[in-house]
Amino acid sequence: MEHRLVSRLGIGLILTFVMVAPQSLSASDLPALRVWVIDNTHIDGKTLSDALKTTAKIFASAGLRMIWLSCPASTGRSGDSARCLAEDSGLLVLRIVSRPAGDFVDQDALGFAVATRENATYATVFRERVLAALDPAGSCTESVLLGHAIAHEIGHLLLGTTAHARAGLMAGRWHAADLNHATSGWLQFSPSEAVRMRAEATRRARVRGDWNFFNRR
């Protein structure tokens, strides 16, 4: 559920996963995920756009297409996500907030996800912690780290588990080397994670009865 980052090099072998989306499908034919985006921190447009592009690129490598939707409700109110879901039920909701509203997550957690076996919905990322985790002298930017943190939390929702992998994007801790890999585009989902997420995307589309789901833009 929680994604924690430590700003030191890990000891031992660092594994990364470089994936290519199924070549038999064009980008428009990939299973699609529709995600409401609620930004309570008022990130500048370019940074948020670049972060979401980073997330989309990660999921495209796993064989999934992201469709980002702006929540029509004004940001900053607790009922925003409920209003978004009322308009399009069964979708995922991404919330970007400044910091946790309590002490229910670890001090170095970049975000959390409410992961359940079916129809998990909410992924949250803490912008202040993303900024604090950046090395001013490093190559990893806010949009890159934010995009990877978003991908990690949405990954929890699709995998239906709070468990972490031993390495890669879904690892419970990211080390300095992982941030370098993120900057280079090498921090990815594993092949087995990608298979499970594509299956979940397909299941969600069928549950909703949206037979044109994969080709909606």
C-alpha atoms as a PDB file:
ATOM      1  CA  MET A   1       0.000   0.000   0.000  1.00  0.00           C
ATOM      2  CA  GLU A   2       2.722   2.439   0.961  1.00  0.00           C
ATOM      3  CA  HIS A   3       5.609   3.284  -1.281  1.00  0.00           C
ATOM      4  CA  ARG A   4       8.705   4.250   0.649  1.00  0.00           C
ATOM      5  CA  LEU A   5      11.880   5.794  -0.705  1.00  0.00           C
ATOM      6  CA  VAL A   6      15.321   6.010   0.876  1.00  0.00           C
ATOM      7  CA  SER A   7      17.930   8.324  -0.593  1.00  0.00           C
ATOM      8  CA  ARG A   8      20.868   5.977  -0.373  1.00  0.00           C
ATOM      9  CA  LEU A   9      22.293   3.293  -2.605  1.00  0.00           C
ATOM     10  CA  GLY A  10      21.033  -0.201  -1.936  1.00  0.00           C
ATOM     11  CA  ILE A  11      23.508  -2.989  -1.244  1.00  0.00           C
ATOM     12  CA  GLY A  12      23.322  -5.923  -3.606  1.00  0.00           C
ATOM     13  CA  LEU A  13      21.963  -6.492  -7.063  1.00  0.00           C
ATOM     14  CA  ILE A  14      19.535  -3.924  -8.451  1.00  0.00           C
ATOM     15  CA  LEU A  15      17.143  -5.488 -10.967  1.00  0.00           C
ATOM     16  CA  THR A  16      15.207  -3.508 -13.541  1.00  0.00           C
ATOM     17  CA  PHE A  17      12.615  -4.604 -16.045  1.00  0.00           C
ATOM     18  CA  VAL A  18      12.481  -3.228 -19.569  1.00  0.00           C
ATOM     19  CA  MET A  19       9.292  -4.199 -21.324  1.00  0.00           C
ATOM     20  CA  VAL A  20       7.791  -3.736 -24.743  1.00  0.00           C
ATOM     21  CA  ALA A  21       4.039  -3.628 -25.282  1.00  0.00           C
ATOM     22  CA  PRO A  22       2.566  -6.535 -27.239  1.00  0.00           C
ATOM     23  CA  GLN A  23       3.670  -5.847 -30.801  1.00  0.00           C
ATOM     24  CA  SER A  24       0.504  -7.258 -32.354  1.00  0.00           C
ATOM     25  CA  LEU A  25      -1.506  -4.344 -30.947  1.00  0.00           C
ATOM     26  CA  SER A  26      -1.312  -0.695 -31.928  1.00  0.00           C
ATOM     27  CA  ALA A  27      -1.415   1.903 -29.158  1.00  0.00           C
ATOM     28  CA  SER A  28      -5.142   2.520 -29.723  1.00  0.00           C
ATOM     29  CA  ASP A  29      -5.882  -1.212 -29.398  1.00  0.00           C
ATOM     30  CA  LEU A  30      -4.263  -1.652 -25.995  1.00  0.00           C
ATOM     31  CA  PRO A  31      -6.607  -2.267 -23.042  1.00  0.00           C
ATOM     32  CA  ALA A  32      -7.496   1.156 -21.687  1.00  0.00           C
ATOM     33  CA  LEU A  33      -7.716   2.476 -18.149  1.00  0.00           C
ATOM     34  CA  ARG A  34      -9.740   5.599 -17.442  1.00  0.00           C
ATOM     35  CA  VAL A  35      -8.467   7.582 -14.451  1.00  0.00           C
ATOM     36  CA  TRP A  36      -9.944  10.656 -12.832  1.00  0.00           C
ATOM     37  CA  VAL A  37      -7.158  13.067 -11.773  1.00  0.00           C
ATOM     38  CA  ILE A  38      -7.753  15.325  -8.778  1.00  0.00           C
ATOM     39  CA  ASP A  39      -4.827  17.653  -8.056  1.00  0.00           C
ATOM     40  CA  ASN A  40      -5.280  19.449  -4.757  1.00  0.00           C
ATOM     41  CA  THR A  41      -1.779  20.936  -4.864  1.00  0.00           C
ATOM     42  CA  HIS A  42      -2.139  23.073  -8.001  1.00  0.00           C
ATOM     43  CA  ILE A  43       0.917  21.690  -9.779  1.00  0.00           C
ATOM     44  CA  ASP A  44       1.850  23.776 -12.791  1.00  0.00           C
ATOM     45  CA  GLY A  45       0.349  22.439 -15.990  1.00  0.00           C
ATOM     46  CA  LYS A  46       3.571  21.334 -17.661  1.00  0.00           C
ATOM     47  CA  THR A  47       4.872  19.428 -14.636  1.00  0.00           C
ATOM     48  CA  LEU A  48       1.596  17.571 -14.181  1.00  0.00           C
ATOM     49  CA  SER A  49       1.314  16.872 -17.904  1.00  0.00           C
ATOM     50  CA  ASP A  50       4.880  15.525 -18.012  1.00  0.00           C
ATOM     51  CA  ALA A  51       4.244  13.369 -14.921  1.00  0.00           C
ATOM     52  CA  LEU A  52       1.126  11.831 -16.448  1.00  0.00           C
ATOM     53  CA  LYS A  53       2.984  11.243 -19.713  1.00  0.00           C
ATOM     54  CA  THR A  54       5.670   9.428 -17.726  1.00  0.00           C
ATOM     55  CA  THR A  55       3.014   7.262 -16.060  1.00  0.00           C
ATOM     56  CA  ALA A  56       1.328   6.571 -19.385  1.00  0.00           C
ATOM     57  CA  LYS A  57       4.632   5.525 -20.935  1.00  0.00           C
ATOM     58  CA  ILE A  58       5.254   3.064 -18.092  1.00  0.00           C
ATOM     59  CA  PHE A  59       1.826   1.496 -18.537  1.00  0.00           C
ATOM     60  CA  ALA A  60       2.199   1.423 -22.325  1.00  0.00           C
ATOM     61  CA  SER A  61       5.322  -0.683 -21.838  1.00  0.00           C
ATOM     62  CA  ALA A  62       3.131  -3.053 -19.817  1.00  0.00           C
ATOM     63  CA  GLY A  63       0.545  -3.202 -22.603  1.00  0.00           C
ATOM     64  CA  LEU A  64      -2.016  -0.768 -21.173  1.00  0.00           C
ATOM     65  CA  ARG A  65      -3.302   2.593 -22.387  1.00  0.00           C
ATOM     66  CA  MET A  66      -4.083   5.399 -19.941  1.00  0.00           C
ATOM     67  CA  ILE A  67      -6.938   7.856 -20.441  1.00  0.00           C
ATOM     68  CA  TRP A  68      -6.640  10.781 -18.034  1.00  0.00           C
ATOM     69  CA  LEU A  69      -9.810  12.655 -17.064  1.00  0.00           C
ATOM     70  CA  SER A  70      -9.975  15.912 -15.117  1.00  0.00           C
ATOM     71  CA  CYS A  71     -12.466  15.782 -12.301  1.00  0.00           C
ATOM     72  CA  PRO A  72     -15.185  18.341 -13.086  1.00  0.00           C
ATOM     73  CA  ALA A  73     -15.664  19.255  -9.425  1.00  0.00           C
ATOM     74  CA  SER A  74     -13.561  22.041  -7.965  1.00  0.00           C
ATOM     75  CA  THR A  75     -10.508  20.682  -6.190  1.00  0.00           C
ATOM     76  CA  GLY A  76      -9.925  20.766  -2.489  1.00  0.00           C
ATOM     77  CA  ARG A  77     -13.179  19.288  -1.192  1.00  0.00           C
ATOM     78  CA  SER A  78     -13.619  15.838   0.271  1.00  0.00           C
ATOM     79  CA  GLY A  79     -16.590  15.064  -1.963  1.00  0.00           C
ATOM     80  CA  ASP A  80     -14.731  15.592  -5.226  1.00  0.00           C
ATOM     81  CA  SER A  81     -13.899  11.953  -5.871  1.00  0.00           C
ATOM     82  CA  ALA A  82     -17.474  10.913  -5.095  1.00  0.00           C
ATOM     83  CA  ARG A  83     -18.746  13.360  -7.698  1.00  0.00           C
ATOM     84  CA  CYS A  84     -16.319  12.041 -10.294  1.00  0.00           C
ATOM     85  CA  LEU A  85     -17.320   8.435  -9.632  1.00  0.00           C
ATOM     86  CA  ALA A  86     -20.995   9.334  -9.794  1.00  0.00           C
ATOM     87  CA  GLU A  87     -20.411  10.503 -13.367  1.00  0.00           C
ATOM     88  CA  ASP A  88     -18.440   7.442 -14.425  1.00  0.00           C
ATOM     89  CA  SER A  89     -18.592   4.644 -11.864  1.00  0.00           C
ATOM     90  CA  GLY A  90     -16.044   1.863 -11.692  1.00  0.00           C
ATOM     91  CA  LEU A  91     -13.093   4.001 -12.702  1.00  0.00           C
ATOM     92  CA  LEU A  92      -9.861   4.704 -10.905  1.00  0.00           C
ATOM     93  CA  VAL A  93      -9.297   7.921  -8.986  1.00  0.00           C
ATOM     94  CA  LEU A  94      -5.866   9.504  -8.586  1.00  0.00           C
ATOM     95  CA  ARG A  95      -5.527  12.116  -5.871  1.00  0.00           C
ATOM     96  CA  ILE A  96      -2.449  14.307  -5.550  1.00  0.00           C
ATOM     97  CA  VAL A  97      -2.309  15.951  -2.141  1.00  0.00           C
ATOM     98  CA  SER A  98       0.370  17.888  -0.299  1.00  0.00           C
ATOM     99  CA  ARG A  99       0.828  15.521   2.636  1.00  0.00           C
ATOM    100  CA  PRO A 100      -0.950  12.770   4.590  1.00  0.00           C
ATOM    101  CA  ALA A 101      -3.947  13.880   6.634  1.00  0.00           C
ATOM    102  CA  GLY A 102      -2.729  11.811   9.592  1.00  0.00           C
ATOM    103  CA  ASP A 103      -0.069   9.365  10.747  1.00  0.00           C
ATOM    104  CA  PHE A 104      -1.538   6.311   9.014  1.00  0.00           C
ATOM    105  CA  VAL A 105       1.414   5.975   6.605  1.00  0.00           C
ATOM    106  CA  ASP A 106       5.154   5.746   7.182  1.00  0.00           C
ATOM    107  CA  GLN A 107       7.108   8.980   7.370  1.00  0.00           C
ATOM    108  CA  ASP A 108       8.885   8.320   4.082  1.00  0.00           C
ATOM    109  CA  ALA A 109       5.863   6.990   2.162  1.00  0.00           C
ATOM    110  CA  LEU A 110       5.318   8.772  -1.157  1.00  0.00           C
ATOM    111  CA  GLY A 111       1.692   7.677  -1.335  1.00  0.00           C
ATOM    112  CA  PHE A 112      -0.791   4.913  -0.644  1.00  0.00           C
ATOM    113  CA  ALA A 113      -3.501   2.935  -2.399  1.00  0.00           C
ATOM    114  CA  VAL A 114      -6.680   1.333  -1.144  1.00  0.00           C
ATOM    115  CA  ALA A 115      -6.152  -2.043  -2.770  1.00  0.00           C
ATOM    116  CA  THR A 116      -8.892  -4.657  -2.740  1.00  0.00           C
ATOM    117  CA  ARG A 117      -9.490  -7.776  -4.803  1.00  0.00           C
ATOM    118  CA  GLU A 118     -12.182  -6.186  -6.932  1.00  0.00           C
ATOM    119  CA  ASN A 119     -12.787  -2.635  -8.148  1.00  0.00           C
ATOM    120  CA  ALA A 120     -10.163  -0.925  -5.993  1.00  0.00           C
ATOM    121  CA  THR A 121     -10.466   2.751  -6.729  1.00  0.00           C
ATOM    122  CA  TYR A 122      -8.327   5.248  -4.850  1.00  0.00           C
ATOM    123  CA  ALA A 123      -4.629   5.989  -5.340  1.00  0.00           C
ATOM    124  CA  THR A 124      -3.041   8.928  -3.518  1.00  0.00           C
ATOM    125  CA  VAL A 125       0.392  10.528  -3.921  1.00  0.00           C
ATOM    126  CA  PHE A 126       1.982  13.077  -1.572  1.00  0.00           C
ATOM    127  CA  ARG A 127       3.595  15.898  -3.552  1.00  0.00           C
ATOM    128  CA  GLU A 128       5.630  17.380  -0.677  1.00  0.00           C
ATOM    129  CA  ARG A 129       7.260  14.010  -0.049  1.00  0.00           C
ATOM    130  CA  VAL A 130       8.019  13.579  -3.739  1.00  0.00           C
ATOM    131  CA  LEU A 131       9.780  16.954  -3.715  1.00  0.00           C
ATOM    132  CA  ALA A 132      11.643  16.153  -0.487  1.00  0.00           C
ATOM    133  CA  ALA A 133      12.890  12.861  -1.951  1.00  0.00           C
ATOM    134  CA  LEU A 134      14.572  14.543  -4.906  1.00  0.00           C
ATOM    135  CA  ASP A 135      18.310  15.089  -4.885  1.00  0.00           C
ATOM    136  CA  PRO A 136      18.989  18.692  -6.036  1.00  0.00           C
ATOM    137  CA  ALA A 137      22.191  17.451  -7.663  1.00  0.00           C
ATOM    138  CA  GLY A 138      20.545  14.419  -9.243  1.00  0.00           C
ATOM    139  CA  SER A 139      19.028  13.963 -12.669  1.00  0.00           C
ATOM    140  CA  CYS A 140      15.585  12.833 -11.492  1.00  0.00           C
ATOM    141  CA  THR A 141      13.000  15.621 -11.810  1.00  0.00           C
ATOM    142  CA  GLU A 142       9.702  16.178 -10.041  1.00  0.00           C
ATOM    143  CA  SER A 143       7.685  15.054 -13.064  1.00  0.00           C
ATOM    144  CA  VAL A 144       9.724  11.844 -13.428  1.00  0.00           C
ATOM    145  CA  LEU A 145       9.472  10.843  -9.767  1.00  0.00           C
ATOM    146  CA  LEU A 146       5.836  11.903  -9.520  1.00  0.00           C
ATOM    147  CA  GLY A 147       5.001   9.905 -12.648  1.00  0.00           C
ATOM    148  CA  HIS A 148       6.652   6.786 -11.254  1.00  0.00           C
ATOM    149  CA  ALA A 149       4.990   7.197  -7.837  1.00  0.00           C
ATOM    150  CA  ILE A 150       1.607   7.472  -9.582  1.00  0.00           C
ATOM    151  CA  ALA A 151       2.324   4.346 -11.623  1.00  0.00           C
ATOM    152  CA  HIS A 152       3.319   2.459  -8.462  1.00  0.00           C
ATOM    153  CA  GLU A 153       0.113   3.326  -6.602  1.00  0.00           C
ATOM    154  CA  ILE A 154      -2.171   2.619  -9.570  1.00  0.00           C
ATOM    155  CA  GLY A 155      -0.242  -0.639  -9.936  1.00  0.00           C
ATOM    156  CA  HIS A 156      -1.383  -1.618  -6.438  1.00  0.00           C
ATOM    157  CA  LEU A 157      -4.994  -1.034  -7.469  1.00  0.00           C
ATOM    158  CA  LEU A 158      -4.740  -3.202 -10.574  1.00  0.00           C
ATOM    159  CA  LEU A 159      -2.759  -5.944  -8.857  1.00  0.00           C
ATOM    160  CA  GLY A 160      -5.235  -5.970  -5.980  1.00  0.00           C
ATOM    161  CA  THR A 161      -2.576  -6.233  -3.316  1.00  0.00           C
ATOM    162  CA  THR A 162      -0.559  -4.088  -0.940  1.00  0.00           C
ATOM    163  CA  ALA A 163       2.420  -6.429  -1.270  1.00  0.00           C
ATOM    164  CA  HIS A 164       5.650  -5.139  -2.763  1.00  0.00           C
ATOM    165  CA  ALA A 165       8.084  -6.729  -5.178  1.00  0.00           C
ATOM    166  CA  ARG A 166      11.731  -7.308  -4.307  1.00  0.00           C
ATOM    167  CA  ALA A 167      12.869  -5.038  -7.155  1.00  0.00           C
ATOM    168  CA  GLY A 168      11.535  -2.869  -9.950  1.00  0.00           C
ATOM    169  CA  LEU A 169       8.731  -0.329  -9.997  1.00  0.00           C
ATOM    170  CA  MET A 170       6.671  -2.203  -7.424  1.00  0.00           C
ATOM    171  CA  ALA A 171       9.504  -2.518  -4.898  1.00  0.00           C
ATOM    172  CA  GLY A 172       8.716  -1.246  -1.416  1.00  0.00           C
ATOM    173  CA  ARG A 173      11.786   0.973  -1.397  1.00  0.00           C
ATOM    174  CA  TRP A 174      13.523   2.903  -4.126  1.00  0.00           C
ATOM    175  CA  HIS A 175      17.225   3.558  -3.813  1.00  0.00           C
ATOM    176  CA  ALA A 176      19.335   6.221  -5.511  1.00  0.00           C
ATOM    177  CA  ALA A 177      20.145   3.802  -8.336  1.00  0.00           C
ATOM    178  CA  ASP A 178      16.427   3.289  -8.924  1.00  0.00           C
ATOM    179  CA  LEU A 179      15.939   7.023  -9.379  1.00  0.00           C
ATOM    180  CA  ASN A 180      18.629   6.962 -12.044  1.00  0.00           C
ATOM    181  CA  HIS A 181      16.830   4.050 -13.695  1.00  0.00           C
ATOM    182  CA  ALA A 182      13.569   6.005 -13.519  1.00  0.00           C
ATOM    183  CA  THR A 183      15.200   8.943 -15.294  1.00  0.00           C
ATOM    184  CA  SER A 184      16.433   6.584 -18.023  1.00  0.00           C
ATOM    185  CA  GLY A 185      13.043   4.876 -18.359  1.00  0.00           C
ATOM    186  CA  TRP A 186      14.271   1.553 -16.991  1.00  0.00           C
ATOM    187  CA  LEU A 187      12.160   1.373 -13.821  1.00  0.00           C
ATOM    188  CA  GLN A 188       9.197  -0.691 -15.025  1.00  0.00           C
ATOM    189  CA  PHE A 189       6.607  -3.280 -14.079  1.00  0.00           C
ATOM    190  CA  SER A 190       7.767  -6.884 -14.303  1.00  0.00           C
ATOM    191  CA  PRO A 191       6.389  -9.087 -17.110  1.00  0.00           C
ATOM    192  CA  SER A 192       4.234 -11.055 -14.655  1.00  0.00           C
ATOM    193  CA  GLU A 193       2.817  -7.852 -13.154  1.00  0.00           C
ATOM    194  CA  ALA A 194       1.968  -6.609 -16.648  1.00  0.00           C
ATOM    195  CA  VAL A 195       0.064  -9.796 -17.445  1.00  0.00           C
ATOM    196  CA  ARG A 196      -1.961  -9.533 -14.241  1.00  0.00           C
ATOM    197  CA  MET A 197      -2.778  -5.865 -14.821  1.00  0.00           C
ATOM    198  CA  ARG A 198      -3.933  -6.457 -18.400  1.00  0.00           C
ATOM    199  CA  ALA A 199      -6.204  -9.225 -17.148  1.00  0.00           C
ATOM    200  CA  GLU A 200      -7.624  -6.892 -14.499  1.00  0.00           C
ATOM    201  CA  ALA A 201      -8.225  -4.129 -17.050  1.00  0.00           C
ATOM    202  CA  THR A 202     -10.110  -6.603 -19.223  1.00  0.00           C
ATOM    203  CA  ARG A 203     -12.143  -7.839 -16.248  1.00  0.00           C
ATOM    204  CA  ARG A 204     -13.123  -4.300 -15.287  1.00  0.00           C
ATOM    205  CA  ALA A 205     -14.274  -3.537 -18.818  1.00  0.00           C
ATOM    206  CA  ARG A 206     -16.446  -6.648 -18.901  1.00  0.00           C
ATOM    207  CA  VAL A 207     -17.939  -5.980 -15.470  1.00  0.00           C
ATOM    208  CA  ARG A 208     -18.955  -2.532 -16.642  1.00  0.00           C
ATOM    209  CA  GLY A 209     -20.454  -4.023 -19.783  1.00  0.00           C
ATOM    210  CA  ASP A 210     -18.419  -1.595 -21.870  1.00  0.00           C
ATOM    211  CA  TRP A 211     -17.621  -3.698 -24.927  1.00  0.00           C
ATOM    212  CA  ASN A 212     -16.083  -0.701 -26.708  1.00  0.00           C
ATOM    213  CA  PHE A 213     -13.959   0.069 -23.659  1.00  0.00           C
ATOM    214  CA  PHE A 214     -10.627  -0.732 -25.306  1.00  0.00           C
ATOM    215  CA  ASN A 215     -11.144   1.761 -28.111  1.00  0.00           C
ATOM    216  CA  ARG A 216     -12.588   4.679 -26.201  1.00  0.00           C
ATOM    217  CA  ARG A 217     -10.507   7.854 -26.287  1.00  0.00           C
END
